[in-house]
Amino acid sequence: MEKRIGTIALVAGVAGLLAFGLFVGAQKDDAGEDALLLENVEALARNDVGSSGEIPRYVNETEINEHKDVKVEIDSSGLRIEYSRTCSDVITYCKHTGKEEDICYERLNGVETTC
């Protein structure tokens, strides 16, 4: 019973991570990527993930999104100071391939940001 609950929790966690990836992907204009990501979330929800965190017929996929972070300050004399930097978000998730020899390692999935 505990193993089944653990498996369900793991699948729910992976699906949540992929749903977050879908949210970040929704910020883009490419609707094709969003549909593919949603398809992967649904496929993961149907898959039985082993206790080792290895998901068969999936591979780890990584997306890098860059955006500008801008901060504007105006001092007491009215002088405008603008700070700008480029930030990166690296999102790793499991992508369905259907190939029996492919394996996705759940522990490698996640989101990292530089800002």
C-alpha atoms as a PDB file:
ATOM      1  CA  MET A   1       0.000   0.000   0.000  1.00  0.00           C
ATOM      2  CA  GLU A   2       2.806   2.448   0.909  1.00  0.00           C
ATOM      3  CA  LYS A   3       4.641   1.637  -2.337  1.00  0.00           C
ATOM      4  CA  ARG A   4       1.490   2.383  -4.345  1.00  0.00           C
ATOM      5  CA  ILE A   5       1.033   5.716  -2.539  1.00  0.00           C
ATOM      6  CA  GLY A   6       4.696   6.532  -3.168  1.00  0.00           C
ATOM      7  CA  THR A   7       4.283   5.724  -6.859  1.00  0.00           C
ATOM      8  CA  ILE A   8       1.184   7.905  -7.112  1.00  0.00           C
ATOM      9  CA  ALA A   9       2.990  10.747  -5.307  1.00  0.00           C
ATOM     10  CA  LEU A  10       5.967  10.433  -7.674  1.00  0.00           C
ATOM     11  CA  VAL A  11       3.748  10.509 -10.773  1.00  0.00           C
ATOM     12  CA  ALA A  12       1.841  13.489  -9.355  1.00  0.00           C
ATOM     13  CA  GLY A  13       5.127  15.297  -8.665  1.00  0.00           C
ATOM     14  CA  VAL A  14       6.403  14.700 -12.191  1.00  0.00           C
ATOM     15  CA  ALA A  15       3.052  15.773 -13.634  1.00  0.00           C
ATOM     16  CA  GLY A  16       3.181  18.929 -11.485  1.00  0.00           C
ATOM     17  CA  LEU A  17       6.678  19.725 -12.724  1.00  0.00           C
ATOM     18  CA  LEU A  18       5.605  19.228 -16.307  1.00  0.00           C
ATOM     19  CA  ALA A  19       2.525  21.352 -15.710  1.00  0.00           C
ATOM     20  CA  PHE A  20       4.847  24.123 -14.486  1.00  0.00           C
ATOM     21  CA  GLY A  21       6.860  23.658 -17.675  1.00  0.00           C
ATOM     22  CA  LEU A  22       3.612  24.010 -19.614  1.00  0.00           C
ATOM     23  CA  PHE A  23       2.895  27.271 -17.775  1.00  0.00           C
ATOM     24  CA  VAL A  24       6.348  28.622 -18.648  1.00  0.00           C
ATOM     25  CA  GLY A  25       5.890  27.408 -22.217  1.00  0.00           C
ATOM     26  CA  ALA A  26       2.581  29.260 -22.411  1.00  0.00           C
ATOM     27  CA  GLN A  27       4.575  32.471 -22.203  1.00  0.00           C
ATOM     28  CA  LYS A  28       5.923  31.659 -25.664  1.00  0.00           C
ATOM     29  CA  ASP A  29       4.033  32.107 -28.910  1.00  0.00           C
ATOM     30  CA  ASP A  30       4.679  28.563 -30.161  1.00  0.00           C
ATOM     31  CA  ALA A  31       1.433  26.637 -29.571  1.00  0.00           C
ATOM     32  CA  GLY A  32       2.948  23.426 -31.002  1.00  0.00           C
ATOM     33  CA  GLU A  33       5.381  23.106 -28.094  1.00  0.00           C
ATOM     34  CA  ASP A  34       2.558  23.624 -25.586  1.00  0.00           C
ATOM     35  CA  ALA A  35       0.471  20.846 -27.115  1.00  0.00           C
ATOM     36  CA  LEU A  36       3.455  18.465 -27.080  1.00  0.00           C
ATOM     37  CA  LEU A  37       4.221  19.272 -23.435  1.00  0.00           C
ATOM     38  CA  LEU A  38       0.589  18.661 -22.446  1.00  0.00           C
ATOM     39  CA  GLU A  39       0.680  15.338 -24.294  1.00  0.00           C
ATOM     40  CA  ASN A  40       3.804  14.377 -22.312  1.00  0.00           C
ATOM     41  CA  VAL A  41       2.107  15.244 -18.999  1.00  0.00           C
ATOM     42  CA  GLU A  42      -0.868  13.051 -19.873  1.00  0.00           C
ATOM     43  CA  ALA A  43       1.362  10.189 -20.974  1.00  0.00           C
ATOM     44  CA  LEU A  44       3.392  10.395 -17.752  1.00  0.00           C
ATOM     45  CA  ALA A  45       0.213  10.307 -15.690  1.00  0.00           C
ATOM     46  CA  ARG A  46      -0.699   6.967 -17.310  1.00  0.00           C
ATOM     47  CA  ASN A  47       2.805   5.470 -16.927  1.00  0.00           C
ATOM     48  CA  ASP A  48       3.784   3.331 -13.937  1.00  0.00           C
ATOM     49  CA  VAL A  49       6.999   4.848 -12.570  1.00  0.00           C
ATOM     50  CA  GLY A  50       9.345   2.421 -10.833  1.00  0.00           C
ATOM     51  CA  SER A  51      10.627   2.994  -7.303  1.00  0.00           C
ATOM     52  CA  SER A  52      14.098   3.809  -8.689  1.00  0.00           C
ATOM     53  CA  GLY A  53      12.813   6.981 -10.386  1.00  0.00           C
ATOM     54  CA  GLU A  54      13.536   5.638 -13.870  1.00  0.00           C
ATOM     55  CA  ILE A  55      10.749   6.156 -16.387  1.00  0.00           C
ATOM     56  CA  PRO A  56      10.875   3.841 -19.424  1.00  0.00           C
ATOM     57  CA  ARG A  57      10.140   5.114 -22.942  1.00  0.00           C
ATOM     58  CA  TYR A  58      11.019   8.707 -21.949  1.00  0.00           C
ATOM     59  CA  VAL A  59      14.211  10.771 -22.140  1.00  0.00           C
ATOM     60  CA  ASN A  60      15.283  13.856 -20.209  1.00  0.00           C
ATOM     61  CA  GLU A  61      14.698  17.003 -22.262  1.00  0.00           C
ATOM     62  CA  THR A  62      16.069  20.444 -21.376  1.00  0.00           C
ATOM     63  CA  GLU A  63      14.802  23.857 -22.459  1.00  0.00           C
ATOM     64  CA  ILE A  64      16.645  27.121 -21.854  1.00  0.00           C
ATOM     65  CA  ASN A  65      14.592  30.318 -21.779  1.00  0.00           C
ATOM     66  CA  GLU A  66      16.261  33.728 -21.568  1.00  0.00           C
ATOM     67  CA  HIS A  67      14.630  36.986 -20.516  1.00  0.00           C
ATOM     68  CA  LYS A  68      15.732  40.490 -19.574  1.00  0.00           C
ATOM     69  CA  ASP A  69      15.461  41.624 -15.984  1.00  0.00           C
ATOM     70  CA  VAL A  70      15.273  45.442 -15.780  1.00  0.00           C
ATOM     71  CA  LYS A  71      15.247  47.608 -12.668  1.00  0.00           C
ATOM     72  CA  VAL A  72      14.769  51.383 -12.817  1.00  0.00           C
ATOM     73  CA  GLU A  73      15.569  53.749  -9.951  1.00  0.00           C
ATOM     74  CA  ILE A  74      15.151  57.502  -9.748  1.00  0.00           C
ATOM     75  CA  ASP A  75      17.188  59.257  -7.104  1.00  0.00           C
ATOM     76  CA  SER A  76      16.142  62.356  -5.159  1.00  0.00           C
ATOM     77  CA  SER A  77      17.617  64.703  -7.783  1.00  0.00           C
ATOM     78  CA  GLY A  78      15.555  63.092 -10.566  1.00  0.00           C
ATOM     79  CA  LEU A  79      18.472  61.161 -12.085  1.00  0.00           C
ATOM     80  CA  ARG A  80      17.222  57.941 -13.688  1.00  0.00           C
ATOM     81  CA  ILE A  81      19.385  54.830 -13.229  1.00  0.00           C
ATOM     82  CA  GLU A  82      18.509  51.660 -15.134  1.00  0.00           C
ATOM     83  CA  TYR A  83      19.982  48.237 -14.411  1.00  0.00           C
ATOM     84  CA  SER A  84      19.560  45.453 -16.956  1.00  0.00           C
ATOM     85  CA  ARG A  85      20.677  41.838 -16.967  1.00  0.00           C
ATOM     86  CA  THR A  86      19.881  38.732 -18.987  1.00  0.00           C
ATOM     87  CA  CYS A  87      18.507  35.844 -16.946  1.00  0.00           C
ATOM     88  CA  SER A  88      18.175  32.184 -17.922  1.00  0.00           C
ATOM     89  CA  ASP A  89      15.680  29.540 -16.816  1.00  0.00           C
ATOM     90  CA  VAL A  90      16.746  25.943 -17.432  1.00  0.00           C
ATOM     91  CA  ILE A  91      13.844  23.477 -17.314  1.00  0.00           C
ATOM     92  CA  THR A  92      14.466  19.722 -17.473  1.00  0.00           C
ATOM     93  CA  TYR A  93      11.566  17.297 -17.824  1.00  0.00           C
ATOM     94  CA  CYS A  94      10.737  13.835 -19.175  1.00  0.00           C
ATOM     95  CA  LYS A  95       9.806  13.692 -22.873  1.00  0.00           C
ATOM     96  CA  HIS A  96       7.942  10.689 -24.263  1.00  0.00           C
ATOM     97  CA  THR A  97       9.715   8.859 -27.096  1.00  0.00           C
ATOM     98  CA  GLY A  98       7.920   5.493 -27.111  1.00  0.00           C
ATOM     99  CA  LYS A  99      11.241   3.679 -27.559  1.00  0.00           C
ATOM    100  CA  GLU A 100      11.620   0.806 -25.128  1.00  0.00           C
ATOM    101  CA  GLU A 101      15.360   1.394 -24.625  1.00  0.00           C
ATOM    102  CA  ASP A 102      14.937   5.053 -23.588  1.00  0.00           C
ATOM    103  CA  ILE A 103      14.954   5.949 -19.879  1.00  0.00           C
ATOM    104  CA  CYS A 104      14.221   9.257 -18.163  1.00  0.00           C
ATOM    105  CA  TYR A 105      15.815   9.812 -14.766  1.00  0.00           C
ATOM    106  CA  GLU A 106      13.282  11.680 -12.628  1.00  0.00           C
ATOM    107  CA  ARG A 107      15.977  12.972 -10.234  1.00  0.00           C
ATOM    108  CA  LEU A 108      17.490  15.060 -13.068  1.00  0.00           C
ATOM    109  CA  ASN A 109      14.256  17.000 -13.625  1.00  0.00           C
ATOM    110  CA  GLY A 110      13.723  20.461 -12.241  1.00  0.00           C
ATOM    111  CA  VAL A 111      14.001  24.196 -12.803  1.00  0.00           C
ATOM    112  CA  GLU A 112      17.133  26.297 -12.286  1.00  0.00           C
ATOM    113  CA  THR A 113      17.326  30.062 -12.728  1.00  0.00           C
ATOM    114  CA  THR A 114      20.266  32.472 -12.907  1.00  0.00           C
ATOM    115  CA  CYS A 115      18.386  35.487 -11.490  1.00  0.00           C
END
